[in-house]
C-alpha atoms as a PDB file:
ATOM      1  CA  MET A   1      27.598 132.321-181.254  1.00  0.00           C
ATOM      2  CA  GLU A   2      30.347 134.603-182.524  1.00  0.00           C
ATOM      3  CA  GLN A   3      30.645 132.447-185.641  1.00  0.00           C
ATOM      4  CA  ASP A   4      26.911 132.807-186.263  1.00  0.00           C
ATOM      5  CA  ILE A   5      27.205 136.588-186.043  1.00  0.00           C
ATOM      6  CA  SER A   6      30.154 136.596-188.428  1.00  0.00           C
ATOM      7  CA  ARG A   7      28.321 134.377-190.937  1.00  0.00           C
ATOM      8  CA  PHE A   8      25.251 136.605-190.733  1.00  0.00           C
ATOM      9  CA  LEU A   9      27.313 139.732-191.357  1.00  0.00           C
ATOM     10  CA  GLU A  10      29.142 138.045-194.247  1.00  0.00           C
ATOM     11  CA  HIS A  11      25.758 137.208-195.757  1.00  0.00           C
ATOM     12  CA  LEU A  12      24.634 140.821-195.426  1.00  0.00           C
ATOM     13  CA  GLN A  13      27.801 142.030-197.120  1.00  0.00           C
ATOM     14  CA  ARG A  14      28.025 139.408-199.857  1.00  0.00           C
ATOM     15  CA  ASP A  15      24.376 138.782-200.691  1.00  0.00           C
ATOM     16  CA  LYS A  16      22.689 142.005-199.678  1.00  0.00           C
ATOM     17  CA  GLY A  17      25.415 144.569-200.362  1.00  0.00           C
ATOM     18  CA  PHE A  18      25.245 146.272-196.972  1.00  0.00           C
ATOM     19  CA  SER A  19      27.776 149.060-196.491  1.00  0.00           C
ATOM     20  CA  PRO A  20      30.832 148.619-194.264  1.00  0.00           C
ATOM     21  CA  ASN A  21      29.478 151.204-191.803  1.00  0.00           C
ATOM     22  CA  THR A  22      26.189 149.341-191.482  1.00  0.00           C
ATOM     23  CA  LEU A  23      28.024 146.081-190.890  1.00  0.00           C
ATOM     24  CA  VAL A  24      30.140 147.686-188.152  1.00  0.00           C
ATOM     25  CA  ALA A  25      26.998 149.026-186.479  1.00  0.00           C
ATOM     26  CA  TYR A  26      25.258 145.640-186.707  1.00  0.00           C
ATOM     27  CA  ARG A  27      28.319 143.867-185.285  1.00  0.00           C
ATOM     28  CA  ASN A  28      28.469 146.314-182.386  1.00  0.00           C
ATOM     29  CA  ASP A  29      24.785 145.853-181.575  1.00  0.00           C
ATOM     30  CA  LEU A  30      24.939 142.056-181.847  1.00  0.00           C
ATOM     31  CA  ASP A  31      28.119 141.863-179.769  1.00  0.00           C
ATOM     32  CA  GLN A  32      26.488 143.976-177.058  1.00  0.00           C
ATOM     33  CA  LEU A  33      23.400 141.740-177.089  1.00  0.00           C
ATOM     34  CA  LEU A  34      25.633 138.670-176.828  1.00  0.00           C
ATOM     35  CA  THR A  35      27.533 140.187-173.894  1.00  0.00           C
ATOM     36  CA  HIS A  36      24.250 141.030-172.154  1.00  0.00           C
ATOM     37  CA  HIS A  37      22.883 137.531-172.747  1.00  0.00           C
ATOM     38  CA  ARG A  38      26.009 135.877-171.386  1.00  0.00           C
ATOM     39  CA  SER A  39      25.978 138.145-168.348  1.00  0.00           C
ATOM     40  CA  VAL A  40      22.376 137.267-167.557  1.00  0.00           C
ATOM     41  CA  ALA A  41      22.971 133.533-168.111  1.00  0.00           C
ATOM     42  CA  THR A  42      26.133 133.592-165.967  1.00  0.00           C
ATOM     43  CA  ASN A  43      24.405 135.401-163.101  1.00  0.00           C
ATOM     44  CA  GLY A  44      21.704 132.784-162.727  1.00  0.00           C
ATOM     45  CA  GLY A  45      19.279 134.291-165.196  1.00  0.00           C
ATOM     46  CA  ALA A  46      16.725 132.179-166.937  1.00  0.00           C
ATOM     47  CA  GLY A  47      17.655 130.543-170.178  1.00  0.00           C
ATOM     48  CA  ALA A  48      20.492 128.514-171.517  1.00  0.00           C
ATOM     49  CA  ALA A  49      23.659 129.787-173.034  1.00  0.00           C
ATOM     50  CA  GLY A  50      23.479 129.887-176.813  1.00  0.00           C
ATOM     51  CA  TRP A  51      20.869 131.289-179.135  1.00  0.00           C
ATOM     52  CA  ALA A  52      18.196 128.964-177.758  1.00  0.00           C
ATOM     53  CA  GLY A  53      18.443 130.855-174.477  1.00  0.00           C
ATOM     54  CA  VAL A  54      17.844 134.278-176.010  1.00  0.00           C
ATOM     55  CA  THR A  55      14.264 135.123-175.121  1.00  0.00           C
ATOM     56  CA  VAL A  56      11.996 138.123-175.400  1.00  0.00           C
ATOM     57  CA  GLU A  57      12.953 138.888-171.807  1.00  0.00           C
ATOM     58  CA  THR A  58      16.649 138.809-172.762  1.00  0.00           C
ATOM     59  CA  VAL A  59      16.122 141.310-175.567  1.00  0.00           C
ATOM     60  CA  ASN A  60      13.868 143.529-173.453  1.00  0.00           C
ATOM     61  CA  GLY A  61      16.497 143.528-170.690  1.00  0.00           C
ATOM     62  CA  TYR A  62      19.137 144.483-173.239  1.00  0.00           C
ATOM     63  CA  PHE A  63      16.974 147.376-174.437  1.00  0.00           C
ATOM     64  CA  ARG A  64      16.426 148.523-170.829  1.00  0.00           C
ATOM     65  CA  ASP A  65      20.186 148.478-170.258  1.00  0.00           C
ATOM     66  CA  LEU A  66      20.759 150.518-173.412  1.00  0.00           C
ATOM     67  CA  LYS A  67      18.140 153.043-172.364  1.00  0.00           C
ATOM     68  CA  GLU A  68      19.662 153.405-168.896  1.00  0.00           C
ATOM     69  CA  ARG A  69      23.129 153.997-170.354  1.00  0.00           C
ATOM     70  CA  HIS A  70      21.936 156.790-172.669  1.00  0.00           C
END
């Protein structure tokens, strides 16, 4: 999954011309989502590891966690 994130960010830089600061912010957000997803999957949450296991519930749970932290 990390390789997918890196390829996506490379695409944004190379093909779309995104700024370095934007790429850092995107990487941070995607890494946090990945960490959340793996935590949920490891603790018996629904869904498989990998992108196929990222569901609407996964993303909503990630957003709830972000909101609670801030």
